[in-house]
Amino acid sequence: MKIHNPVRFKFLLLALILLVTFISSQLIKAARTEQYKDWAPAPGSFLKQERLKDFRTRVYYAYTVNGKDYRGSEIYHSSNSSWPDAGAAVAVWYDPEAPARSSYHKPGPGLDPYAPYFLALPICAAILLKSPRSRPAAG
């Protein structure tokens, strides 16, 4: 198959890559949203925060589901967040099918839907930066 217009082919290829990337992103977002749709809030309390290396903070919390006490912790990648005082009442999100699985904040898709873009953008950049082959002179 001979390509008559390499510029047009390049942009069609880019459009196809970006379309597949967008669709993949939406599918990942839908799957992650579905994964957490049944999670529910439970009464809890903030226990403490612990500063870790590299601007990370681990927060500890406790919560109660159906009269049973649970504890959890999560790591956040920011030292600038303001956390409540120890003992403060907070809502903790948990999985009703496995109450020991919990989250200090309402869980959602997070950054997962953007993963396809991190793969597609370098490929698109390489396609755009690749110069077309020069044709031999007729003669």
N, C-alpha and C. Protein backbone atom coordinates (compact mmCIF):
# COMPACT_ATOMS: atom_id res chain seq x y z
N MET A 1 0.85 -1.17 0.00
CA MET A 1 0.00 0.00 0.00
C MET A 1 0.89 1.23 0.00
N LYS A 2 0.70 2.06 -0.96
CA LYS A 2 1.48 3.28 -1.09
C LYS A 2 0.70 4.43 -0.48
N ILE A 3 1.37 5.18 0.37
CA ILE A 3 0.74 6.33 1.01
C ILE A 3 1.05 7.56 0.17
N HIS A 4 0.00 8.19 -0.35
CA HIS A 4 0.20 9.34 -1.23
C HIS A 4 0.42 10.63 -0.47
N ASN A 5 -0.16 10.73 0.71
CA ASN A 5 -0.03 11.96 1.47
C ASN A 5 0.40 11.61 2.90
N PRO A 6 1.72 11.60 3.17
CA PRO A 6 2.18 11.19 4.49
C PRO A 6 1.72 12.11 5.62
N VAL A 7 1.51 13.38 5.33
CA VAL A 7 1.05 14.32 6.36
C VAL A 7 -0.38 13.96 6.77
N ARG A 8 -1.21 13.68 5.78
CA ARG A 8 -2.60 13.30 6.07
C ARG A 8 -2.63 11.99 6.84
N PHE A 9 -1.81 11.03 6.45
CA PHE A 9 -1.73 9.75 7.15
C PHE A 9 -1.30 9.96 8.60
N LYS A 10 -0.31 10.83 8.80
CA LYS A 10 0.19 11.11 10.14
C LYS A 10 -0.92 11.65 11.04
N PHE A 11 -1.71 12.57 10.52
CA PHE A 11 -2.78 13.15 11.34
C PHE A 11 -3.94 12.18 11.54
N LEU A 12 -4.21 11.33 10.57
CA LEU A 12 -5.22 10.28 10.78
C LEU A 12 -4.76 9.30 11.85
N LEU A 13 -3.49 8.95 11.82
CA LEU A 13 -2.93 8.06 12.84
C LEU A 13 -3.01 8.70 14.22
N LEU A 14 -2.67 9.97 14.30
CA LEU A 14 -2.77 10.70 15.58
C LEU A 14 -4.21 10.73 16.08
N ALA A 15 -5.14 11.00 15.18
CA ALA A 15 -6.55 11.04 15.57
C ALA A 15 -7.00 9.67 16.09
N LEU A 16 -6.57 8.61 15.44
CA LEU A 16 -6.94 7.25 15.87
C LEU A 16 -6.34 6.95 17.25
N ILE A 17 -5.08 7.30 17.45
CA ILE A 17 -4.44 7.07 18.75
C ILE A 17 -5.17 7.84 19.85
N LEU A 18 -5.50 9.10 19.60
CA LEU A 18 -6.19 9.90 20.61
C LEU A 18 -7.61 9.40 20.87
N LEU A 19 -8.27 8.91 19.86
CA LEU A 19 -9.62 8.34 20.05
C LEU A 19 -9.55 7.09 20.92
N VAL A 20 -8.61 6.20 20.63
CA VAL A 20 -8.45 4.98 21.43
C VAL A 20 -8.06 5.34 22.86
N THR A 21 -7.22 6.36 23.02
CA THR A 21 -6.81 6.82 24.34
C THR A 21 -8.01 7.34 25.13
N PHE A 22 -8.82 8.16 24.49
CA PHE A 22 -10.00 8.72 25.16
C PHE A 22 -10.97 7.62 25.58
N ILE A 23 -11.23 6.68 24.69
CA ILE A 23 -12.15 5.58 25.01
C ILE A 23 -11.60 4.73 26.15
N SER A 24 -10.30 4.43 26.11
CA SER A 24 -9.67 3.67 27.20
C SER A 24 -9.80 4.39 28.53
N SER A 25 -9.57 5.69 28.50
CA SER A 25 -9.67 6.49 29.71
C SER A 25 -11.07 6.44 30.30
N GLN A 26 -12.08 6.56 29.44
CA GLN A 26 -13.46 6.53 29.92
C GLN A 26 -13.84 5.16 30.47
N LEU A 27 -13.33 4.10 29.87
CA LEU A 27 -13.60 2.74 30.37
C LEU A 27 -12.96 2.52 31.73
N ILE A 28 -11.74 3.01 31.91
CA ILE A 28 -11.07 2.89 33.20
C ILE A 28 -11.82 3.69 34.26
N LYS A 29 -12.25 4.89 33.91
CA LYS A 29 -13.01 5.72 34.86
C LYS A 29 -14.30 5.03 35.27
N ALA A 30 -15.02 4.47 34.31
CA ALA A 30 -16.27 3.77 34.61
C ALA A 30 -16.02 2.56 35.51
N ALA A 31 -14.96 1.81 35.24
CA ALA A 31 -14.65 0.62 36.04
C ALA A 31 -14.29 1.01 37.47
N ARG A 32 -13.48 2.05 37.63
CA ARG A 32 -13.10 2.50 38.98
C ARG A 32 -14.29 3.08 39.74
N THR A 33 -15.13 3.82 39.05
CA THR A 33 -16.32 4.37 39.70
C THR A 33 -17.24 3.24 40.15
N GLU A 34 -17.40 2.23 39.32
CA GLU A 34 -18.23 1.06 39.67
C GLU A 34 -17.64 0.33 40.87
N GLN A 35 -16.33 0.24 40.92
CA GLN A 35 -15.65 -0.48 42.01
C GLN A 35 -15.99 0.13 43.37
N TYR A 36 -16.16 1.44 43.43
CA TYR A 36 -16.39 2.11 44.71
C TYR A 36 -17.83 2.58 44.90
N LYS A 37 -18.74 2.21 44.03
CA LYS A 37 -20.10 2.77 44.10
C LYS A 37 -20.84 2.40 45.37
N ASP A 38 -20.55 1.25 45.95
CA ASP A 38 -21.28 0.81 47.14
C ASP A 38 -20.62 1.22 48.45
N TRP A 39 -19.44 1.83 48.37
CA TRP A 39 -18.78 2.22 49.60
C TRP A 39 -19.63 3.23 50.35
N ALA A 40 -19.64 3.12 51.66
CA ALA A 40 -20.52 3.95 52.47
C ALA A 40 -19.71 4.65 53.57
N PRO A 41 -20.21 5.78 54.05
CA PRO A 41 -19.52 6.46 55.16
C PRO A 41 -19.89 5.82 56.50
N ALA A 42 -18.94 5.85 57.42
CA ALA A 42 -19.16 5.36 58.77
C ALA A 42 -18.62 6.40 59.74
N PRO A 43 -19.17 6.47 60.93
CA PRO A 43 -18.63 7.41 61.91
C PRO A 43 -17.24 6.97 62.34
N GLY A 44 -16.35 7.94 62.40
CA GLY A 44 -14.99 7.61 62.78
C GLY A 44 -14.34 8.75 63.52
N SER A 45 -13.09 8.54 63.86
CA SER A 45 -12.33 9.60 64.53
C SER A 45 -10.91 9.61 63.97
N PHE A 46 -10.38 10.81 63.88
CA PHE A 46 -9.01 11.00 63.42
C PHE A 46 -8.09 10.68 64.59
N LEU A 47 -7.11 9.80 64.37
CA LEU A 47 -6.22 9.42 65.46
C LEU A 47 -4.95 10.27 65.48
N LYS A 48 -4.22 10.28 64.36
CA LYS A 48 -2.98 11.07 64.31
C LYS A 48 -2.47 11.14 62.89
N GLN A 49 -1.48 12.01 62.71
CA GLN A 49 -0.77 12.09 61.44
C GLN A 49 0.70 11.87 61.71
N GLU A 50 1.39 11.35 60.72
CA GLU A 50 2.81 11.09 60.87
C GLU A 50 3.51 11.57 59.60
N ARG A 51 4.45 12.48 59.73
CA ARG A 51 5.20 12.97 58.58
C ARG A 51 6.22 11.91 58.17
N LEU A 52 6.24 11.60 56.90
CA LEU A 52 7.19 10.65 56.36
C LEU A 52 8.18 11.38 55.47
N LYS A 53 9.09 10.66 54.88
CA LYS A 53 10.06 11.27 53.96
C LYS A 53 9.36 11.73 52.68
N ASP A 54 10.02 12.59 51.96
CA ASP A 54 9.57 13.01 50.63
C ASP A 54 8.18 13.66 50.63
N PHE A 55 7.88 14.49 51.60
CA PHE A 55 6.63 15.25 51.64
C PHE A 55 5.40 14.36 51.73
N ARG A 56 5.54 13.21 52.34
CA ARG A 56 4.39 12.33 52.50
C ARG A 56 3.92 12.37 53.95
N THR A 57 2.62 12.12 54.12
CA THR A 57 2.02 12.08 55.44
C THR A 57 1.16 10.83 55.55
N ARG A 58 1.32 10.09 56.63
CA ARG A 58 0.43 8.96 56.89
C ARG A 58 -0.58 9.41 57.94
N VAL A 59 -1.85 9.19 57.64
CA VAL A 59 -2.90 9.51 58.60
C VAL A 59 -3.49 8.20 59.14
N TYR A 60 -3.82 8.23 60.42
CA TYR A 60 -4.41 7.08 61.09
C TYR A 60 -5.81 7.47 61.55
N TYR A 61 -6.74 6.55 61.42
CA TYR A 61 -8.12 6.81 61.80
C TYR A 61 -8.76 5.53 62.32
N ALA A 62 -9.86 5.70 63.04
CA ALA A 62 -10.64 4.57 63.55
C ALA A 62 -12.08 4.80 63.14
N TYR A 63 -12.83 3.71 62.98
CA TYR A 63 -14.23 3.83 62.59
C TYR A 63 -15.00 2.60 63.08
N THR A 64 -16.31 2.73 63.09
CA THR A 64 -17.16 1.65 63.58
C THR A 64 -18.20 1.30 62.53
N VAL A 65 -18.33 -0.01 62.27
CA VAL A 65 -19.34 -0.52 61.34
C VAL A 65 -20.09 -1.65 62.04
N ASN A 66 -21.40 -1.51 62.13
CA ASN A 66 -22.24 -2.52 62.78
C ASN A 66 -21.72 -2.91 64.17
N GLY A 67 -21.31 -1.92 64.95
CA GLY A 67 -20.84 -2.14 66.31
C GLY A 67 -19.43 -2.69 66.43
N LYS A 68 -18.76 -2.92 65.32
CA LYS A 68 -17.39 -3.44 65.36
C LYS A 68 -16.42 -2.33 65.03
N ASP A 69 -15.34 -2.24 65.82
CA ASP A 69 -14.34 -1.18 65.64
C ASP A 69 -13.25 -1.62 64.67
N TYR A 70 -12.84 -0.68 63.82
CA TYR A 70 -11.77 -0.92 62.85
C TYR A 70 -10.79 0.24 62.92
N ARG A 71 -9.59 0.00 62.42
CA ARG A 71 -8.58 1.05 62.30
C ARG A 71 -8.02 1.00 60.89
N GLY A 72 -7.60 2.15 60.42
CA GLY A 72 -7.02 2.22 59.09
C GLY A 72 -5.99 3.32 59.00
N SER A 73 -5.25 3.32 57.92
CA SER A 73 -4.29 4.39 57.67
C SER A 73 -4.11 4.53 56.17
N GLU A 74 -3.68 5.72 55.77
CA GLU A 74 -3.42 6.01 54.37
C GLU A 74 -2.25 6.97 54.27
N ILE A 75 -1.56 6.90 53.14
CA ILE A 75 -0.45 7.81 52.89
C ILE A 75 -0.89 8.84 51.86
N TYR A 76 -0.60 10.09 52.14
CA TYR A 76 -0.90 11.18 51.23
C TYR A 76 0.42 11.83 50.81
N HIS A 77 0.48 12.24 49.58
CA HIS A 77 1.72 12.79 49.02
C HIS A 77 1.75 14.31 49.08
N SER A 78 1.46 14.85 50.24
CA SER A 78 1.51 16.29 50.41
C SER A 78 1.73 16.60 51.88
N SER A 79 2.63 17.49 52.14
CA SER A 79 2.85 17.89 53.53
C SER A 79 2.07 19.16 53.86
N ASN A 80 1.39 19.73 52.87
CA ASN A 80 0.69 21.00 53.07
C ASN A 80 -0.74 20.83 53.55
N SER A 81 -1.25 19.61 53.57
CA SER A 81 -2.64 19.39 53.99
C SER A 81 -2.80 19.68 55.47
N SER A 82 -3.94 20.25 55.81
CA SER A 82 -4.21 20.46 57.22
C SER A 82 -5.12 19.33 57.70
N TRP A 83 -4.71 18.70 58.75
CA TRP A 83 -5.43 17.55 59.27
C TRP A 83 -6.14 17.94 60.56
N PRO A 84 -7.23 17.26 60.88
CA PRO A 84 -7.93 17.59 62.12
C PRO A 84 -7.10 17.21 63.35
N ASP A 85 -7.51 17.70 64.49
CA ASP A 85 -6.86 17.34 65.74
C ASP A 85 -7.18 15.89 66.09
N ALA A 86 -6.31 15.27 66.85
CA ALA A 86 -6.55 13.90 67.31
C ALA A 86 -7.87 13.83 68.07
N GLY A 87 -8.65 12.83 67.76
CA GLY A 87 -9.95 12.65 68.41
C GLY A 87 -11.11 13.31 67.69
N ALA A 88 -10.82 14.11 66.67
CA ALA A 88 -11.90 14.78 65.94
C ALA A 88 -12.76 13.77 65.21
N ALA A 89 -14.06 14.04 65.18
CA ALA A 89 -15.00 13.16 64.48
C ALA A 89 -14.86 13.36 62.97
N VAL A 90 -14.77 12.26 62.25
CA VAL A 90 -14.64 12.29 60.79
C VAL A 90 -15.50 11.17 60.20
N ALA A 91 -15.80 11.29 58.93
CA ALA A 91 -16.47 10.21 58.22
C ALA A 91 -15.39 9.39 57.52
N VAL A 92 -15.47 8.10 57.65
CA VAL A 92 -14.54 7.18 57.00
C VAL A 92 -15.35 6.34 56.02
N TRP A 93 -14.83 6.15 54.83
CA TRP A 93 -15.52 5.36 53.81
C TRP A 93 -15.03 3.93 53.86
N TYR A 94 -15.96 2.99 53.76
CA TYR A 94 -15.61 1.57 53.85
C TYR A 94 -16.39 0.76 52.82
N ASP A 95 -15.86 -0.43 52.54
CA ASP A 95 -16.50 -1.36 51.62
C ASP A 95 -17.46 -2.23 52.42
N PRO A 96 -18.78 -2.15 52.15
CA PRO A 96 -19.75 -2.94 52.92
C PRO A 96 -19.52 -4.45 52.83
N GLU A 97 -18.91 -4.91 51.75
CA GLU A 97 -18.64 -6.35 51.60
C GLU A 97 -17.41 -6.78 52.39
N ALA A 98 -16.54 -5.84 52.70
CA ALA A 98 -15.32 -6.11 53.48
C ALA A 98 -15.03 -4.87 54.31
N PRO A 99 -15.70 -4.70 55.44
CA PRO A 99 -15.60 -3.45 56.21
C PRO A 99 -14.18 -3.07 56.64
N ALA A 100 -13.26 -4.01 56.64
CA ALA A 100 -11.87 -3.67 57.01
C ALA A 100 -11.19 -2.86 55.90
N ARG A 101 -11.74 -2.89 54.69
CA ARG A 101 -11.21 -2.06 53.59
C ARG A 101 -11.83 -0.68 53.73
N SER A 102 -10.98 0.33 53.86
CA SER A 102 -11.51 1.66 54.13
C SER A 102 -10.66 2.73 53.46
N SER A 103 -11.21 3.95 53.49
CA SER A 103 -10.51 5.10 52.95
C SER A 103 -10.87 6.33 53.78
N TYR A 104 -9.87 7.15 54.04
CA TYR A 104 -10.11 8.37 54.81
C TYR A 104 -10.96 9.36 54.01
N HIS A 105 -10.81 9.35 52.71
CA HIS A 105 -11.63 10.19 51.83
C HIS A 105 -12.50 9.29 50.95
N LYS A 106 -13.58 9.84 50.44
CA LYS A 106 -14.44 9.06 49.56
C LYS A 106 -13.62 8.58 48.36
N PRO A 107 -13.57 7.27 48.15
CA PRO A 107 -12.74 6.77 47.05
C PRO A 107 -13.37 7.04 45.69
N GLY A 108 -12.52 7.18 44.71
CA GLY A 108 -12.98 7.41 43.34
C GLY A 108 -11.93 6.92 42.37
N PRO A 109 -12.07 7.28 41.12
CA PRO A 109 -11.14 6.79 40.11
C PRO A 109 -9.71 7.30 40.26
N GLY A 110 -9.54 8.42 40.95
CA GLY A 110 -8.20 8.95 41.12
C GLY A 110 -7.57 9.33 39.79
N LEU A 111 -6.29 9.04 39.66
CA LEU A 111 -5.56 9.38 38.43
C LEU A 111 -5.55 8.24 37.42
N ASP A 112 -6.11 7.10 37.77
CA ASP A 112 -6.08 5.94 36.87
C ASP A 112 -6.60 6.24 35.47
N PRO A 113 -7.69 7.00 35.30
CA PRO A 113 -8.17 7.26 33.94
C PRO A 113 -7.19 8.03 33.06
N TYR A 114 -6.20 8.66 33.66
CA TYR A 114 -5.23 9.43 32.87
C TYR A 114 -4.06 8.58 32.39
N ALA A 115 -3.94 7.36 32.87
CA ALA A 115 -2.82 6.49 32.48
C ALA A 115 -2.69 6.32 30.96
N PRO A 116 -3.79 6.12 30.22
CA PRO A 116 -3.62 5.98 28.77
C PRO A 116 -2.98 7.21 28.11
N TYR A 117 -3.23 8.39 28.65
CA TYR A 117 -2.64 9.60 28.08
C TYR A 117 -1.12 9.62 28.29
N PHE A 118 -0.66 9.10 29.44
CA PHE A 118 0.78 9.06 29.69
C PHE A 118 1.48 8.13 28.70
N LEU A 119 0.76 7.16 28.17
CA LEU A 119 1.33 6.29 27.15
C LEU A 119 1.19 6.89 25.76
N ALA A 120 0.05 7.50 25.49
CA ALA A 120 -0.24 7.98 24.14
C ALA A 120 0.52 9.26 23.79
N LEU A 121 0.70 10.16 24.73
CA LEU A 121 1.32 11.44 24.40
C LEU A 121 2.76 11.31 23.89
N PRO A 122 3.60 10.48 24.49
CA PRO A 122 4.94 10.33 23.90
C PRO A 122 4.91 9.70 22.50
N ILE A 123 3.97 8.79 22.28
CA ILE A 123 3.84 8.18 20.95
C ILE A 123 3.41 9.24 19.94
N CYS A 124 2.45 10.06 20.31
CA CYS A 124 2.00 11.14 19.42
C CYS A 124 3.13 12.13 19.14
N ALA A 125 3.90 12.46 20.18
CA ALA A 125 5.01 13.38 20.00
C ALA A 125 6.04 12.79 19.04
N ALA A 126 6.31 11.51 19.17
CA ALA A 126 7.28 10.87 18.27
C ALA A 126 6.78 10.88 16.83
N ILE A 127 5.49 10.66 16.65
CA ILE A 127 4.91 10.68 15.30
C ILE A 127 5.01 12.09 14.71
N LEU A 128 4.69 13.09 15.52
CA LEU A 128 4.74 14.46 15.03
C LEU A 128 6.17 14.92 14.71
N LEU A 129 7.11 14.47 15.51
CA LEU A 129 8.48 14.93 15.33
C LEU A 129 9.24 14.16 14.24
N LYS A 130 8.71 13.00 13.87
CA LYS A 130 9.37 12.22 12.83
C LYS A 130 9.18 12.92 11.48
N SER A 131 10.30 13.20 10.83
CA SER A 131 10.20 13.89 9.54
C SER A 131 9.90 12.87 8.45
N PRO A 132 9.10 13.28 7.46
CA PRO A 132 8.79 12.36 6.37
C PRO A 132 10.03 12.06 5.55
N ARG A 133 10.07 10.85 4.99
CA ARG A 133 11.21 10.47 4.16
C ARG A 133 11.21 11.30 2.89
N SER A 134 12.37 11.72 2.51
CA SER A 134 12.45 12.51 1.27
C SER A 134 12.38 11.56 0.07
N ARG A 135 11.71 12.02 -0.95
CA ARG A 135 11.57 11.21 -2.16
C ARG A 135 12.79 11.39 -3.07
N PRO A 136 13.19 10.34 -3.74
CA PRO A 136 14.32 10.49 -4.67
C PRO A 136 13.92 11.38 -5.84
N ALA A 137 14.87 12.13 -6.31
CA ALA A 137 14.62 13.04 -7.43
C ALA A 137 14.32 12.24 -8.70
N ALA A 138 13.34 12.70 -9.45
CA ALA A 138 12.98 12.02 -10.71
C ALA A 138 14.03 12.38 -11.75
N GLY A 139 14.37 11.42 -12.50
CA GLY A 139 15.31 11.87 -13.45
C GLY A 139 15.87 10.92 -14.32
